[in-house]
Amino acid sequence: MGRKQRKSDGNKALQRQPGAPQAALASAEAKAGAGGEKSPVLARLLWLSALVLIVCGYLFLNKADPGGKNGWAVAAPASLLAGYLLIIPAILVSYREKN
């Protein structure tokens, strides 16, 4: 008898609500419409920030101690790496904008 109760309780939890798929579809369309307008701004922001980080990284290299004993020796490679890694999402956002 315990099994029958568990099955009947489980079936109630698995039943769908009638308006749920339409609401999810409407919210997904709203998100896609809102994000499409900001894509060129996001792409430019990513490219600009990548460029700034790379230039700052090379400028930090001039201040870095050759032995790596100061903070610039840590900041320079971190800035360069962050700038180079930002190029990947910048490319992805730029090409998704066109398609």
N, C-alpha and C. Protein backbone atom coordinates (compact mmCIF):
# COMPACT_ATOMS: atom_id res chain seq x y z
N MET A 1 0.81 -1.18 0.00
CA MET A 1 0.00 0.00 0.00
C MET A 1 0.87 1.26 0.00
N GLY A 2 2.03 1.17 0.61
CA GLY A 2 2.95 2.29 0.63
C GLY A 2 3.43 2.66 -0.76
N ARG A 3 3.61 1.66 -1.61
CA ARG A 3 4.06 1.94 -2.97
C ARG A 3 3.01 2.68 -3.78
N LYS A 4 1.80 2.33 -3.59
CA LYS A 4 0.74 2.99 -4.34
C LYS A 4 0.66 4.46 -3.96
N GLN A 5 0.86 4.77 -2.72
CA GLN A 5 0.82 6.17 -2.31
C GLN A 5 1.99 6.93 -2.91
N ARG A 6 3.16 6.34 -2.96
CA ARG A 6 4.31 7.01 -3.52
C ARG A 6 4.12 7.28 -5.00
N LYS A 7 3.57 6.33 -5.71
CA LYS A 7 3.34 6.53 -7.14
C LYS A 7 2.31 7.62 -7.38
N SER A 8 1.29 7.63 -6.61
CA SER A 8 0.26 8.65 -6.83
C SER A 8 0.79 10.03 -6.46
N ASP A 9 1.64 10.12 -5.43
CA ASP A 9 2.24 11.40 -5.07
C ASP A 9 3.22 11.85 -6.14
N GLY A 10 3.98 10.91 -6.70
CA GLY A 10 4.95 11.23 -7.74
C GLY A 10 4.28 11.70 -9.02
N ASN A 11 3.13 11.14 -9.35
CA ASN A 11 2.42 11.55 -10.57
C ASN A 11 1.90 12.98 -10.45
N LYS A 12 1.52 13.38 -9.28
CA LYS A 12 1.04 14.75 -9.09
C LYS A 12 2.17 15.75 -9.32
N ALA A 13 3.36 15.40 -8.89
CA ALA A 13 4.49 16.31 -9.03
C ALA A 13 4.96 16.41 -10.49
N LEU A 14 4.73 15.37 -11.28
CA LEU A 14 5.19 15.37 -12.66
C LEU A 14 4.21 15.99 -13.65
N GLN A 15 3.03 16.33 -13.19
CA GLN A 15 2.04 16.91 -14.10
C GLN A 15 2.45 18.32 -14.49
N ARG A 16 2.22 18.66 -15.76
CA ARG A 16 2.58 19.99 -16.27
C ARG A 16 1.46 20.98 -15.99
N GLN A 17 1.88 22.20 -15.88
CA GLN A 17 0.91 23.27 -15.79
C GLN A 17 0.64 23.75 -17.21
N PRO A 18 -0.60 24.04 -17.56
CA PRO A 18 -0.93 24.34 -18.95
C PRO A 18 -0.28 25.59 -19.53
N GLY A 19 -0.02 26.63 -18.76
CA GLY A 19 0.51 27.87 -19.32
C GLY A 19 2.01 27.99 -19.26
N ALA A 20 2.72 27.00 -18.72
CA ALA A 20 4.17 27.12 -18.50
C ALA A 20 4.98 27.22 -19.79
N PRO A 21 4.77 26.41 -20.83
CA PRO A 21 5.61 26.53 -22.03
C PRO A 21 5.45 27.87 -22.75
N GLN A 22 4.25 28.40 -22.80
CA GLN A 22 4.04 29.68 -23.47
C GLN A 22 4.73 30.81 -22.72
N ALA A 23 4.70 30.76 -21.40
CA ALA A 23 5.35 31.81 -20.62
C ALA A 23 6.87 31.76 -20.80
N ALA A 24 7.43 30.56 -20.84
CA ALA A 24 8.87 30.42 -21.03
C ALA A 24 9.29 30.89 -22.41
N LEU A 25 8.49 30.60 -23.43
CA LEU A 25 8.78 31.04 -24.78
C LEU A 25 8.72 32.55 -24.90
N ALA A 26 7.74 33.16 -24.27
CA ALA A 26 7.61 34.61 -24.31
C ALA A 26 8.78 35.30 -23.62
N SER A 27 9.23 34.76 -22.49
CA SER A 27 10.36 35.37 -21.79
C SER A 27 11.65 35.18 -22.58
N ALA A 28 11.81 34.06 -23.28
CA ALA A 28 13.00 33.84 -24.09
C ALA A 28 13.04 34.80 -25.27
N GLU A 29 11.90 35.05 -25.89
CA GLU A 29 11.84 36.00 -27.00
C GLU A 29 12.14 37.42 -26.53
N ALA A 30 11.66 37.76 -25.34
CA ALA A 30 11.92 39.09 -24.81
C ALA A 30 13.40 39.29 -24.52
N LYS A 31 14.05 38.26 -24.00
CA LYS A 31 15.48 38.35 -23.72
C LYS A 31 16.28 38.46 -25.01
N ALA A 32 15.91 37.73 -26.03
CA ALA A 32 16.63 37.77 -27.31
C ALA A 32 16.47 39.13 -27.97
N GLY A 33 15.32 39.72 -27.88
CA GLY A 33 15.10 41.03 -28.47
C GLY A 33 15.87 42.11 -27.75
N ALA A 34 15.95 42.02 -26.44
CA ALA A 34 16.66 43.04 -25.67
C ALA A 34 18.17 42.93 -25.86
N GLY A 35 18.70 41.72 -25.96
CA GLY A 35 20.13 41.53 -26.11
C GLY A 35 20.64 41.86 -27.50
N GLY A 36 19.80 41.77 -28.50
CA GLY A 36 20.21 42.03 -29.86
C GLY A 36 20.57 43.48 -30.11
N GLU A 37 19.96 44.40 -29.39
CA GLU A 37 20.22 45.81 -29.59
C GLU A 37 21.54 46.23 -28.96
N LYS A 38 21.98 45.56 -27.92
CA LYS A 38 23.18 45.95 -27.20
C LYS A 38 24.42 45.22 -27.71
N SER A 39 24.29 44.34 -28.67
CA SER A 39 25.41 43.54 -29.15
C SER A 39 26.53 44.38 -29.76
N PRO A 40 26.25 45.38 -30.61
CA PRO A 40 27.37 46.18 -31.16
C PRO A 40 28.11 46.96 -30.07
N VAL A 41 27.38 47.43 -29.08
CA VAL A 41 28.03 48.16 -27.99
C VAL A 41 28.90 47.22 -27.18
N LEU A 42 28.41 46.02 -26.92
CA LEU A 42 29.19 45.03 -26.18
C LEU A 42 30.44 44.63 -26.94
N ALA A 43 30.32 44.45 -28.23
CA ALA A 43 31.48 44.07 -29.05
C ALA A 43 32.55 45.16 -29.01
N ARG A 44 32.13 46.40 -29.17
CA ARG A 44 33.10 47.50 -29.12
C ARG A 44 33.74 47.63 -27.75
N LEU A 45 32.95 47.43 -26.71
CA LEU A 45 33.47 47.50 -25.35
C LEU A 45 34.52 46.41 -25.10
N LEU A 46 34.25 45.20 -25.58
CA LEU A 46 35.20 44.11 -25.41
C LEU A 46 36.49 44.38 -26.19
N TRP A 47 36.37 44.84 -27.43
CA TRP A 47 37.57 45.13 -28.22
C TRP A 47 38.39 46.25 -27.59
N LEU A 48 37.71 47.29 -27.13
CA LEU A 48 38.40 48.43 -26.54
C LEU A 48 39.10 48.03 -25.24
N SER A 49 38.41 47.27 -24.40
CA SER A 49 39.02 46.87 -23.14
C SER A 49 40.20 45.91 -23.37
N ALA A 50 40.10 45.04 -24.36
CA ALA A 50 41.21 44.16 -24.69
C ALA A 50 42.42 44.97 -25.16
N LEU A 51 42.18 45.95 -26.00
CA LEU A 51 43.26 46.79 -26.49
C LEU A 51 43.91 47.58 -25.36
N VAL A 52 43.11 48.15 -24.48
CA VAL A 52 43.64 48.92 -23.36
C VAL A 52 44.47 48.03 -22.44
N LEU A 53 43.99 46.83 -22.15
CA LEU A 53 44.73 45.92 -21.27
C LEU A 53 46.06 45.49 -21.89
N ILE A 54 46.07 45.25 -23.18
CA ILE A 54 47.31 44.84 -23.85
C ILE A 54 48.32 45.98 -23.85
N VAL A 55 47.88 47.19 -24.18
CA VAL A 55 48.80 48.34 -24.18
C VAL A 55 49.32 48.60 -22.78
N CYS A 56 48.44 48.54 -21.78
CA CYS A 56 48.88 48.74 -20.39
C CYS A 56 49.86 47.66 -19.97
N GLY A 57 49.65 46.44 -20.41
CA GLY A 57 50.57 45.36 -20.08
C GLY A 57 51.97 45.61 -20.62
N TYR A 58 52.05 46.10 -21.85
CA TYR A 58 53.36 46.41 -22.41
C TYR A 58 54.00 47.61 -21.72
N LEU A 59 53.19 48.58 -21.31
CA LEU A 59 53.74 49.71 -20.56
C LEU A 59 54.21 49.28 -19.18
N PHE A 60 53.51 48.35 -18.56
CA PHE A 60 53.92 47.83 -17.26
C PHE A 60 55.22 47.05 -17.36
N LEU A 61 55.48 46.45 -18.51
CA LEU A 61 56.73 45.70 -18.69
C LEU A 61 57.96 46.61 -18.58
N ASN A 62 57.81 47.88 -18.99
CA ASN A 62 58.92 48.82 -18.87
C ASN A 62 59.26 49.09 -17.42
N LYS A 63 58.27 49.05 -16.53
CA LYS A 63 58.48 49.35 -15.11
C LYS A 63 58.86 48.11 -14.31
N ALA A 64 58.72 46.94 -14.92
CA ALA A 64 58.96 45.69 -14.18
C ALA A 64 60.45 45.48 -13.94
N ASP A 65 60.75 44.96 -12.79
CA ASP A 65 62.13 44.61 -12.43
C ASP A 65 62.52 43.33 -13.18
N PRO A 66 63.71 43.27 -13.77
CA PRO A 66 64.10 42.06 -14.51
C PRO A 66 64.12 40.80 -13.64
N GLY A 67 64.36 40.96 -12.36
CA GLY A 67 64.36 39.81 -11.47
C GLY A 67 62.96 39.43 -10.99
N GLY A 68 61.97 40.24 -11.30
CA GLY A 68 60.61 39.96 -10.90
C GLY A 68 60.35 40.23 -9.43
N LYS A 69 61.02 41.25 -8.87
CA LYS A 69 60.92 41.52 -7.44
C LYS A 69 59.88 42.58 -7.09
N ASN A 70 59.27 43.23 -8.06
CA ASN A 70 58.28 44.26 -7.73
C ASN A 70 56.88 43.88 -8.26
N GLY A 71 55.91 44.71 -7.95
CA GLY A 71 54.53 44.44 -8.34
C GLY A 71 54.27 44.55 -9.83
N TRP A 72 55.06 45.36 -10.51
CA TRP A 72 54.87 45.50 -11.96
C TRP A 72 55.19 44.20 -12.69
N ALA A 73 56.07 43.42 -12.13
CA ALA A 73 56.43 42.13 -12.74
C ALA A 73 55.26 41.14 -12.65
N VAL A 74 54.34 41.37 -11.75
CA VAL A 74 53.15 40.53 -11.65
C VAL A 74 52.01 41.15 -12.47
N ALA A 75 51.90 42.48 -12.43
CA ALA A 75 50.79 43.16 -13.10
C ALA A 75 50.92 43.10 -14.62
N ALA A 76 52.13 43.16 -15.13
CA ALA A 76 52.32 43.17 -16.59
C ALA A 76 51.82 41.89 -17.25
N PRO A 77 52.27 40.70 -16.83
CA PRO A 77 51.77 39.50 -17.49
C PRO A 77 50.28 39.26 -17.25
N ALA A 78 49.80 39.67 -16.07
CA ALA A 78 48.36 39.50 -15.80
C ALA A 78 47.53 40.37 -16.73
N SER A 79 47.98 41.60 -16.94
CA SER A 79 47.28 42.50 -17.84
C SER A 79 47.34 42.01 -19.29
N LEU A 80 48.50 41.54 -19.71
CA LEU A 80 48.63 41.02 -21.07
C LEU A 80 47.74 39.79 -21.29
N LEU A 81 47.76 38.89 -20.32
CA LEU A 81 46.95 37.68 -20.44
C LEU A 81 45.46 38.01 -20.48
N ALA A 82 45.03 38.91 -19.61
CA ALA A 82 43.61 39.30 -19.60
C ALA A 82 43.21 39.95 -20.92
N GLY A 83 44.09 40.79 -21.46
CA GLY A 83 43.80 41.43 -22.74
C GLY A 83 43.70 40.44 -23.88
N TYR A 84 44.63 39.49 -23.92
CA TYR A 84 44.59 38.48 -24.98
C TYR A 84 43.37 37.57 -24.84
N LEU A 85 43.00 37.26 -23.62
CA LEU A 85 41.83 36.39 -23.42
C LEU A 85 40.52 37.11 -23.72
N LEU A 86 40.49 38.43 -23.62
CA LEU A 86 39.29 39.18 -23.97
C LEU A 86 39.06 39.24 -25.48
N ILE A 87 40.09 38.95 -26.24
CA ILE A 87 39.92 38.96 -27.70
C ILE A 87 38.96 37.85 -28.14
N ILE A 88 38.97 36.73 -27.45
CA ILE A 88 38.12 35.60 -27.83
C ILE A 88 36.63 35.95 -27.73
N PRO A 89 36.14 36.46 -26.60
CA PRO A 89 34.72 36.84 -26.58
C PRO A 89 34.41 38.01 -27.49
N ALA A 90 35.39 38.89 -27.72
CA ALA A 90 35.15 40.01 -28.63
C ALA A 90 34.90 39.49 -30.05
N ILE A 91 35.67 38.51 -30.47
CA ILE A 91 35.47 37.91 -31.79
C ILE A 91 34.11 37.21 -31.86
N LEU A 92 33.78 36.45 -30.82
CA LEU A 92 32.51 35.72 -30.82
C LEU A 92 31.32 36.66 -30.88
N VAL A 93 31.36 37.72 -30.11
CA VAL A 93 30.24 38.67 -30.11
C VAL A 93 30.17 39.40 -31.44
N SER A 94 31.31 39.73 -32.03
CA SER A 94 31.32 40.45 -33.30
C SER A 94 30.73 39.61 -34.43
N TYR A 95 31.07 38.32 -34.47
CA TYR A 95 30.56 37.49 -35.55
C TYR A 95 29.13 37.04 -35.33
N ARG A 96 28.70 36.91 -34.11
CA ARG A 96 27.29 36.58 -33.86
C ARG A 96 26.39 37.74 -34.21
N GLU A 97 26.93 38.94 -34.12
CA GLU A 97 26.17 40.14 -34.47
C GLU A 97 25.82 40.15 -35.96
N LYS A 98 26.74 39.67 -36.81
CA LYS A 98 26.53 39.68 -38.25
C LYS A 98 25.58 38.59 -38.70
N ASN A 99 25.58 37.44 -38.00
CA ASN A 99 24.75 36.31 -38.42
C ASN A 99 23.43 36.36 -37.82
